[in-house]
C-alpha atoms as a PDB file:
ATOM      1  CA  MET A   1     245.184  19.100 102.599  1.00  0.00           C
ATOM      2  CA  PRO A   2     248.221  18.116 100.588  1.00  0.00           C
ATOM      3  CA  THR A   3     249.093  14.504 100.335  1.00  0.00           C
ATOM      4  CA  THR A   4     252.495  12.942  99.496  1.00  0.00           C
ATOM      5  CA  SER A   5     251.255  12.276  95.947  1.00  0.00           C
ATOM      6  CA  ASP A   6     250.074  15.906  95.511  1.00  0.00           C
ATOM      7  CA  PRO A   7     252.662  17.447  93.183  1.00  0.00           C
ATOM      8  CA  LYS A   8     251.638  21.005  93.877  1.00  0.00           C
ATOM      9  CA  PRO A   9     250.759  22.861  97.111  1.00  0.00           C
ATOM     10  CA  ARG A  10     247.181  24.068  97.228  1.00  0.00           C
ATOM     11  CA  PRO A  11     247.080  26.589 100.079  1.00  0.00           C
ATOM     12  CA  ASN A  12     243.459  27.743  99.392  1.00  0.00           C
ATOM     13  CA  HIS A  13     242.015  24.200  98.818  1.00  0.00           C
ATOM     14  CA  ARG A  14     240.290  24.191 102.262  1.00  0.00           C
ATOM     15  CA  ARG A  15     238.743  27.589 101.640  1.00  0.00           C
ATOM     16  CA  TYR A  16     237.568  26.480  98.204  1.00  0.00           C
ATOM     17  CA  ILE A  17     235.906  23.357  99.666  1.00  0.00           C
ATOM     18  CA  GLN A  18     234.163  25.481 102.311  1.00  0.00           C
ATOM     19  CA  SER A  19     232.797  27.895  99.685  1.00  0.00           C
ATOM     20  CA  LEU A  20     231.460  24.946  97.690  1.00  0.00           C
ATOM     21  CA  ARG A  21     229.695  23.518 100.774  1.00  0.00           C
ATOM     22  CA  GLN A  22     228.048  26.835 101.389  1.00  0.00           C
ATOM     23  CA  MET A  23     226.474  26.898  97.956  1.00  0.00           C
ATOM     24  CA  THR A  24     223.043  25.457  97.323  1.00  0.00           C
ATOM     25  CA  PRO A  25     222.834  22.519  94.927  1.00  0.00           C
ATOM     26  CA  GLU A  26     221.459  24.909  92.264  1.00  0.00           C
ATOM     27  CA  GLN A  27     224.421  27.294  92.693  1.00  0.00           C
ATOM     28  CA  ARG A  28     226.876  24.398  92.398  1.00  0.00           C
ATOM     29  CA  LEU A  29     225.169  23.164  89.195  1.00  0.00           C
ATOM     30  CA  LEU A  30     225.259  26.701  87.721  1.00  0.00           C
ATOM     31  CA  LYS A  31     228.957  26.899  88.619  1.00  0.00           C
ATOM     32  CA  VAL A  32     229.538  23.551  86.803  1.00  0.00           C
ATOM     33  CA  PHE A  33     227.878  24.969  83.716  1.00  0.00           C
ATOM     34  CA  GLU A  34     229.850  28.194  83.939  1.00  0.00           C
ATOM     35  CA  LEU A  35     233.180  26.390  84.220  1.00  0.00           C
ATOM     36  CA  SER A  36     232.240  24.003  81.392  1.00  0.00           C
ATOM     37  CA  ASP A  37     231.433  26.946  79.104  1.00  0.00           C
ATOM     38  CA  PHE A  38     234.676  28.663  80.120  1.00  0.00           C
ATOM     39  CA  SER A  39     236.714  25.541  79.392  1.00  0.00           C
ATOM     40  CA  LYS A  40     235.132  25.110  75.976  1.00  0.00           C
ATOM     41  CA  ALA A  41     235.835  28.831  75.175  1.00  0.00           C
ATOM     42  CA  LEU A  42     239.502  28.406  76.092  1.00  0.00           C
ATOM     43  CA  PHE A  43     239.756  25.184  74.077  1.00  0.00           C
ATOM     44  CA  ARG A  44     238.144  26.878  71.119  1.00  0.00           C
ATOM     45  CA  GLN A  45     240.452  29.905  71.371  1.00  0.00           C
ATOM     46  CA  GLY A  46     243.502  27.662  71.546  1.00  0.00           C
ATOM     47  CA  LEU A  47     242.397  25.706  68.547  1.00  0.00           C
ATOM     48  CA  ARG A  48     241.755  28.844  66.590  1.00  0.00           C
ATOM     49  CA  ARG A  49     245.258  30.051  67.353  1.00  0.00           C
ATOM     50  CA  ARG A  50     246.583  26.816  65.899  1.00  0.00           C
ATOM     51  CA  PHE A  51     244.378  27.147  62.774  1.00  0.00           C
ATOM     52  CA  PRO A  52     243.886  30.878  62.214  1.00  0.00           C
ATOM     53  CA  ASP A  53     243.207  30.663  58.451  1.00  0.00           C
ATOM     54  CA  MET A  54     240.797  27.745  58.536  1.00  0.00           C
ATOM     55  CA  PRO A  55     237.340  28.609  57.188  1.00  0.00           C
ATOM     56  CA  GLU A  56     234.703  28.920  59.876  1.00  0.00           C
ATOM     57  CA  GLU A  57     232.568  25.943  58.815  1.00  0.00           C
ATOM     58  CA  GLU A  58     235.677  23.678  58.611  1.00  0.00           C
ATOM     59  CA  PHE A  59     236.867  25.010  61.927  1.00  0.00           C
ATOM     60  CA  LYS A  60     233.511  24.326  63.563  1.00  0.00           C
ATOM     61  CA  GLN A  61     233.685  20.687  62.431  1.00  0.00           C
ATOM     62  CA  LEU A  62     237.276  20.402  63.681  1.00  0.00           C
ATOM     63  CA  PHE A  63     236.237  21.913  67.071  1.00  0.00           C
ATOM     64  CA  LEU A  64     233.323  19.483  67.457  1.00  0.00           C
ATOM     65  CA  GLN A  65     235.494  16.445  66.510  1.00  0.00           C
ATOM     66  CA  ARG A  66     238.185  17.411  69.033  1.00  0.00           C
ATOM     67  CA  LEU A  67     235.627  18.156  71.660  1.00  0.00           C
ATOM     68  CA  GLN A  68     234.085  14.729  71.106  1.00  0.00           C
ATOM     69  CA  ARG A  69     237.542  13.065  71.487  1.00  0.00           C
ATOM     70  CA  CYS A  70     238.063  14.872  74.779  1.00  0.00           C
ATOM     71  CA  HIS A  71     234.650  13.876  76.062  1.00  0.00           C
ATOM     72  CA  ASN A  72     235.205  10.201  75.274  1.00  0.00           C
ATOM     73  CA  ARG A  73     238.477  10.197  77.202  1.00  0.00           C
ATOM     74  CA  ASN A  74     236.789  11.293  80.340  1.00  0.00           C
ATOM     75  CA  TYR A  75     234.464   8.300  80.594  1.00  0.00           C
END
């Protein structure tokens, strides 16, 4: 259901909402965890591309710092 403020058409949005409604609460929660893990993996991969030569321990600290900054912006 696009609105006038919706900048992009979403032709499958209704189907997506229907599939979510058909899931059990447990299935939806598992999907949330799956998407969260996927997002973190993409974030980590993009960060590693920016800092390919950074030692792993230093990179891990950078990743956790950046992740914390993102988390704080959402709340």
